[in-house]
């Protein structure tokens, strides 16, 4: 009998669903409709099971301040998909709803960011996990806290603690707006 522990079955481990978090936002056109369309597209993704959708939040723009306010929300899911496949899906949703990338942090019909996939830490030219600025973005953390009050952002700590350290004055829940999921 060998004293070595059995090797992990990496393929079986990859099939285990992981908590995944997406941030969605829009500040052009029918902002609420774009959020709804993005959530429907995520829900229709094989291998991705939505577990929560936050309330809609009106938020001040970040970066380029001379643009309309955003509507933002967070979508949580369980997924067996590889991180890069989820990123490709997010980008495909943006393309489907005419996201134009002319100005960094500029106005957009829809923005779908992959924030976190389980405890995965990754840095490639295409994708950094967790999202490199999520820990400082109230428009991500406030809605995420609503959906997952005990959530932890890998490498940064509890979402509740991160929110407590941020200026959240520009983030307002829109009780009259709803995402159908």
Protein backbone atom coordinates (compact mmCIF):
# COMPACT_ATOMS: atom_id res chain seq x y z
CA UNK A 1 0.00 0.00 0.00
CA UNK A 2 1.36 3.40 -0.99
CA UNK A 3 1.86 6.17 1.56
CA UNK A 4 1.17 8.78 -1.12
CA UNK A 5 -2.36 10.22 -1.24
CA UNK A 6 -4.31 9.49 -4.42
CA UNK A 7 -3.89 12.03 -7.21
CA UNK A 8 -6.81 14.41 -7.61
CA UNK A 9 -9.01 13.82 -10.61
CA UNK A 10 -8.62 17.27 -12.14
CA UNK A 11 -11.41 16.66 -14.67
CA UNK A 12 -13.85 15.75 -11.88
CA UNK A 13 -12.79 18.84 -9.93
CA UNK A 14 -13.46 21.05 -12.97
CA UNK A 15 -17.01 19.69 -13.15
CA UNK A 16 -17.74 20.97 -9.66
CA UNK A 17 -19.89 24.11 -9.89
CA UNK A 18 -18.14 27.28 -8.76
CA UNK A 19 -19.70 30.48 -7.52
CA UNK A 20 -19.34 33.05 -10.30
CA UNK A 21 -20.11 36.75 -10.20
CA UNK A 22 -20.90 39.10 -13.08
CA UNK A 23 -21.38 42.86 -12.92
CA UNK A 24 -23.65 44.37 -15.56
CA UNK A 25 -24.19 48.01 -16.40
CA UNK A 26 -25.67 50.33 -19.00
CA UNK A 27 -25.82 54.07 -19.54
CA UNK A 28 -27.06 54.37 -23.13
CA UNK A 29 -30.50 53.78 -24.62
CA UNK A 30 -33.08 51.82 -22.63
CA UNK A 31 -30.71 51.00 -19.78
CA UNK A 32 -33.10 48.73 -17.90
CA UNK A 33 -33.94 46.78 -21.04
CA UNK A 34 -30.25 46.21 -21.73
CA UNK A 35 -29.79 44.86 -18.18
CA UNK A 36 -32.76 42.54 -18.68
CA UNK A 37 -31.40 41.34 -22.02
CA UNK A 38 -27.99 40.64 -20.50
CA UNK A 39 -29.52 38.64 -17.64
CA UNK A 40 -31.66 36.64 -20.08
CA UNK A 41 -28.56 35.89 -22.18
CA UNK A 42 -26.61 34.76 -19.11
CA UNK A 43 -29.56 32.62 -18.01
CA UNK A 44 -29.63 30.96 -21.45
CA UNK A 45 -25.95 29.99 -21.23
CA UNK A 46 -25.49 26.20 -20.94
CA UNK A 47 -23.39 25.33 -17.89
CA UNK A 48 -24.36 28.54 -16.06
CA UNK A 49 -27.16 28.46 -13.47
CA UNK A 50 -28.20 31.84 -12.11
CA UNK A 51 -28.48 31.91 -8.32
CA UNK A 52 -29.20 35.59 -7.76
CA UNK A 53 -29.74 38.97 -9.35
CA UNK A 54 -29.42 42.14 -7.32
CA UNK A 55 -31.70 45.11 -7.34
CA UNK A 56 -30.99 47.76 -9.95
CA UNK A 57 -28.73 50.59 -8.79
CA UNK A 58 -28.28 54.03 -10.33
CA UNK A 59 -24.61 54.93 -10.18
CA UNK A 60 -22.43 57.85 -11.09
CA UNK A 61 -19.93 57.15 -13.89
CA UNK A 62 -16.32 56.27 -13.08
CA UNK A 63 -13.38 57.44 -15.18
CA UNK A 64 -15.11 59.58 -17.79
CA UNK A 65 -17.41 61.74 -15.68
CA UNK A 66 -19.08 63.63 -18.56
CA UNK A 67 -21.54 60.88 -19.49
CA UNK A 68 -24.97 59.71 -18.32
CA UNK A 69 -25.39 57.82 -15.05
CA UNK A 70 -25.41 54.04 -15.19
CA UNK A 71 -27.87 51.42 -14.12
CA UNK A 72 -25.94 48.53 -12.57
CA UNK A 73 -26.67 45.12 -11.09
CA UNK A 74 -24.81 41.98 -10.06
CA UNK A 75 -25.64 38.47 -11.23
CA UNK A 76 -24.45 35.44 -9.29
CA UNK A 77 -24.30 31.96 -10.75
CA UNK A 78 -23.03 28.46 -10.24
CA UNK A 79 -21.01 27.25 -13.20
CA UNK A 80 -18.93 24.37 -14.43
CA UNK A 81 -17.66 26.43 -17.36
CA UNK A 82 -14.00 27.39 -17.64
CA UNK A 83 -13.33 31.03 -16.80
CA UNK A 84 -12.29 31.86 -20.37
CA UNK A 85 -15.57 30.47 -21.70
CA UNK A 86 -17.50 32.71 -19.29
CA UNK A 87 -15.43 35.69 -20.44
CA UNK A 88 -16.16 34.83 -24.08
CA UNK A 89 -19.86 34.64 -23.24
CA UNK A 90 -19.76 38.06 -21.53
CA UNK A 91 -18.06 39.59 -24.58
CA UNK A 92 -20.53 37.91 -26.94
CA UNK A 93 -23.43 39.42 -24.97
CA UNK A 94 -21.84 42.87 -25.25
CA UNK A 95 -21.37 42.38 -29.00
CA UNK A 96 -24.96 41.19 -29.44
CA UNK A 97 -26.25 44.41 -27.88
CA UNK A 98 -23.96 46.73 -29.83
CA UNK A 99 -21.35 47.55 -27.20
CA UNK A 100 -18.90 49.96 -28.82
CA UNK A 101 -15.44 50.38 -27.33
CA UNK A 102 -14.17 53.81 -28.32
CA UNK A 103 -13.30 55.39 -24.97
CA UNK A 104 -11.99 53.52 -21.93
CA UNK A 105 -14.67 53.76 -19.21
CA UNK A 106 -16.88 55.61 -21.69
CA UNK A 107 -20.61 55.27 -22.33
CA UNK A 108 -21.99 51.88 -23.36
CA UNK A 109 -25.21 50.06 -24.13
CA UNK A 110 -24.15 47.14 -21.97
CA UNK A 111 -21.12 46.12 -19.96
CA UNK A 112 -20.81 42.54 -18.71
CA UNK A 113 -17.78 41.98 -16.49
CA UNK A 114 -16.73 38.65 -15.03
CA UNK A 115 -15.78 39.57 -11.47
CA UNK A 116 -14.98 36.27 -9.80
CA UNK A 117 -15.03 32.51 -10.44
CA UNK A 118 -14.79 30.54 -7.20
CA UNK A 119 -11.41 31.03 -5.59
CA UNK A 120 -9.72 31.22 -8.99
CA UNK A 121 -6.83 33.66 -9.33
CA UNK A 122 -5.72 34.25 -12.89
CA UNK A 123 -3.80 36.87 -14.80
CA UNK A 124 -3.63 36.64 -18.57
CA UNK A 125 -3.71 39.35 -21.24
CA UNK A 126 -7.43 38.56 -21.74
CA UNK A 127 -8.65 37.99 -18.19
CA UNK A 128 -7.68 38.81 -14.61
CA UNK A 129 -9.52 37.08 -11.77
CA UNK A 130 -10.74 38.34 -9.54
CA UNK A 131 -11.49 41.51 -11.52
CA UNK A 132 -8.57 43.86 -10.77
CA UNK A 133 -10.68 46.85 -9.69
CA UNK A 134 -13.71 45.12 -8.17
CA UNK A 135 -12.49 45.71 -4.60
CA UNK A 136 -12.66 49.49 -5.10
CA UNK A 137 -15.90 49.74 -7.06
CA UNK A 138 -19.01 50.51 -5.01
CA UNK A 139 -21.20 49.92 -8.08
CA UNK A 140 -20.04 46.28 -8.02
CA UNK A 141 -19.74 45.64 -4.29
CA UNK A 142 -23.00 47.21 -3.05
CA UNK A 143 -25.24 45.10 -5.33
CA UNK A 144 -23.08 42.02 -4.70
CA UNK A 145 -23.43 42.47 -0.94
CA UNK A 146 -27.20 42.51 -1.38
CA UNK A 147 -27.17 39.13 -3.19
CA UNK A 148 -24.42 37.42 -1.18
CA UNK A 149 -24.03 39.07 2.24
CA UNK A 150 -21.30 36.61 3.31
CA UNK A 151 -19.30 36.79 0.07
CA UNK A 152 -15.53 37.09 0.04
CA UNK A 153 -13.50 38.59 -2.80
CA UNK A 154 -10.41 36.43 -3.16
CA UNK A 155 -7.31 38.35 -2.11
CA UNK A 156 -9.30 41.29 -0.71
CA UNK A 157 -11.60 39.98 2.02
CA UNK A 158 -15.26 40.12 2.92
CA UNK A 159 -17.48 42.18 0.63
CA UNK A 160 -19.18 43.73 3.68
CA UNK A 161 -15.83 45.01 4.95
CA UNK A 162 -14.85 46.34 1.54
CA UNK A 163 -18.17 48.20 1.19
CA UNK A 164 -17.72 49.69 4.67
CA UNK A 165 -14.45 51.24 3.49
CA UNK A 166 -15.86 52.82 0.31
CA UNK A 167 -17.71 56.01 -0.50
CA UNK A 168 -21.12 54.69 -1.58
CA UNK A 169 -22.78 58.11 -1.98
CA UNK A 170 -23.02 57.68 -5.78
CA UNK A 171 -24.81 54.30 -5.58
CA UNK A 172 -28.60 54.40 -5.15
CA UNK A 173 -30.98 51.44 -5.27
CA UNK A 174 -33.83 51.96 -7.75
CA UNK A 175 -36.76 50.26 -6.04
CA UNK A 176 -39.05 51.07 -8.98
CA UNK A 177 -36.77 49.24 -11.49
CA UNK A 178 -36.70 45.43 -11.65
CA UNK A 179 -34.78 42.82 -13.58
CA UNK A 180 -36.87 39.83 -14.64
CA UNK A 181 -34.90 36.66 -14.22
